[in-house]
């Protein structure tokens, strides 16, 4: 359950970003993409609260939850590039340095 809370936290962070940074869905995204992501973002924010509330009732151990968050973070840092590579390859962007520079700045250095 602690891992579910950690994953829901990450999806809620991404959902929050989608609400405050509308330019993430600018061109060349299809016009239907932004409303879909806004709806999905609201749903994810709701899930975060549900998962956390259930965890607090079932266990609530902060140490277990913090450990799950650290392990989930490390797993995502490993898995995101692996899952992105086939998509980047299909788009012809896998071997472009600019692709990796832009992605790194989005995931690591972007503020606000």
Protein backbone atom coordinates (compact mmCIF):
# COMPACT_ATOMS: atom_id res chain seq x y z
CA UNK A 1 0.00 0.00 0.00
CA UNK A 2 2.92 2.35 0.73
CA UNK A 3 4.11 1.93 -2.87
CA UNK A 4 0.65 2.79 -4.17
CA UNK A 5 0.71 5.98 -2.10
CA UNK A 6 4.16 6.84 -3.52
CA UNK A 7 3.08 6.23 -7.14
CA UNK A 8 -0.13 8.18 -6.66
CA UNK A 9 1.95 11.03 -5.26
CA UNK A 10 4.04 11.11 -8.46
CA UNK A 11 1.01 11.03 -10.72
CA UNK A 12 -0.56 13.83 -8.66
CA UNK A 13 2.63 15.89 -9.06
CA UNK A 14 2.43 15.45 -12.83
CA UNK A 15 -1.28 16.31 -12.77
CA UNK A 16 -0.55 19.46 -10.80
CA UNK A 17 2.08 20.45 -13.36
CA UNK A 18 -0.46 19.96 -16.14
CA UNK A 19 -2.80 22.43 -14.42
CA UNK A 20 -0.23 25.15 -13.75
CA UNK A 21 1.78 24.78 -16.97
CA UNK A 22 -0.72 24.74 -19.80
CA UNK A 23 2.08 25.16 -22.36
CA UNK A 24 2.94 21.49 -21.83
CA UNK A 25 0.03 20.72 -24.14
CA UNK A 26 0.68 23.32 -26.81
CA UNK A 27 1.47 22.53 -30.45
CA UNK A 28 2.03 19.93 -31.86
CA UNK A 29 -0.36 18.12 -29.51
CA UNK A 30 -3.84 17.35 -30.85
CA UNK A 31 -6.51 19.83 -29.69
CA UNK A 32 -8.36 17.05 -27.81
CA UNK A 33 -5.26 16.15 -25.78
CA UNK A 34 -5.37 19.07 -23.34
CA UNK A 35 -8.99 18.54 -22.16
CA UNK A 36 -8.31 14.82 -21.78
CA UNK A 37 -5.20 15.47 -19.70
CA UNK A 38 -7.02 18.05 -17.56
CA UNK A 39 -9.76 15.52 -16.80
CA UNK A 40 -7.21 12.78 -16.11
CA UNK A 41 -5.19 15.14 -13.92
CA UNK A 42 -8.21 15.90 -11.75
CA UNK A 43 -8.85 12.17 -11.43
CA UNK A 44 -5.26 11.53 -10.38
CA UNK A 45 -5.38 14.25 -7.74
CA UNK A 46 -8.44 12.56 -6.29
CA UNK A 47 -6.74 9.14 -6.29
CA UNK A 48 -3.80 10.52 -4.33
CA UNK A 49 -6.07 11.50 -1.45
CA UNK A 50 -7.91 8.17 -1.48
CA UNK A 51 -4.72 6.09 -1.47
CA UNK A 52 -3.20 8.16 1.33
CA UNK A 53 -6.37 8.03 3.46
CA UNK A 54 -6.61 4.24 3.10
CA UNK A 55 -2.91 3.87 3.96
CA UNK A 56 -3.36 5.97 7.10
CA UNK A 57 -6.20 3.69 8.22
CA UNK A 58 -4.49 0.40 7.30
CA UNK A 59 -0.94 1.12 8.47
CA UNK A 60 0.07 4.77 8.60
CA UNK A 61 3.73 4.03 9.32
CA UNK A 62 5.74 7.05 8.18
CA UNK A 63 9.04 5.17 7.90
CA UNK A 64 7.52 2.54 5.61
CA UNK A 65 5.89 5.26 3.50
CA UNK A 66 9.14 7.25 3.25
CA UNK A 67 11.09 4.12 2.29
CA UNK A 68 8.52 3.31 -0.39
CA UNK A 69 8.86 6.85 -1.74
CA UNK A 70 12.65 6.58 -1.99
CA UNK A 71 12.47 3.16 -3.70
CA UNK A 72 9.71 4.34 -6.05
CA UNK A 73 11.74 7.43 -6.98
CA UNK A 74 14.79 5.30 -7.80
CA UNK A 75 12.65 2.89 -9.83
CA UNK A 76 11.08 5.69 -11.85
CA UNK A 77 14.45 7.30 -12.55
CA UNK A 78 15.56 3.96 -13.97
CA UNK A 79 12.35 3.04 -15.82
CA UNK A 80 11.38 6.35 -17.45
CA UNK A 81 14.37 6.45 -19.84
CA UNK A 82 13.91 2.75 -20.68
CA UNK A 83 10.23 3.28 -21.51
CA UNK A 84 10.97 6.47 -23.48
CA UNK A 85 13.62 4.93 -25.74
CA UNK A 86 11.28 2.97 -28.07
CA UNK A 87 9.05 6.04 -28.44
CA UNK A 88 12.00 8.30 -29.20
CA UNK A 89 13.36 5.74 -31.66
CA UNK A 90 10.03 5.60 -33.48
CA UNK A 91 10.02 9.42 -33.72
CA UNK A 92 13.62 9.50 -34.96
CA UNK A 93 14.74 11.47 -31.89
CA UNK A 94 16.56 8.78 -29.89
CA UNK A 95 20.08 9.67 -31.02
CA UNK A 96 19.63 13.46 -31.04
CA UNK A 97 21.54 15.19 -28.24
CA UNK A 98 18.97 17.99 -28.19
CA UNK A 99 16.26 15.48 -27.26
CA UNK A 100 18.12 14.25 -24.20
CA UNK A 101 19.15 17.77 -23.18
CA UNK A 102 15.54 18.98 -23.33
CA UNK A 103 14.22 15.92 -21.49
CA UNK A 104 16.87 16.20 -18.78
CA UNK A 105 16.11 19.87 -18.22
CA UNK A 106 12.39 19.09 -17.93
CA UNK A 107 12.80 16.25 -15.43
CA UNK A 108 15.78 17.52 -13.44
CA UNK A 109 16.33 21.25 -13.69
CA UNK A 110 12.90 22.69 -14.41
CA UNK A 111 11.68 24.93 -11.62
CA UNK A 112 8.42 26.67 -10.87
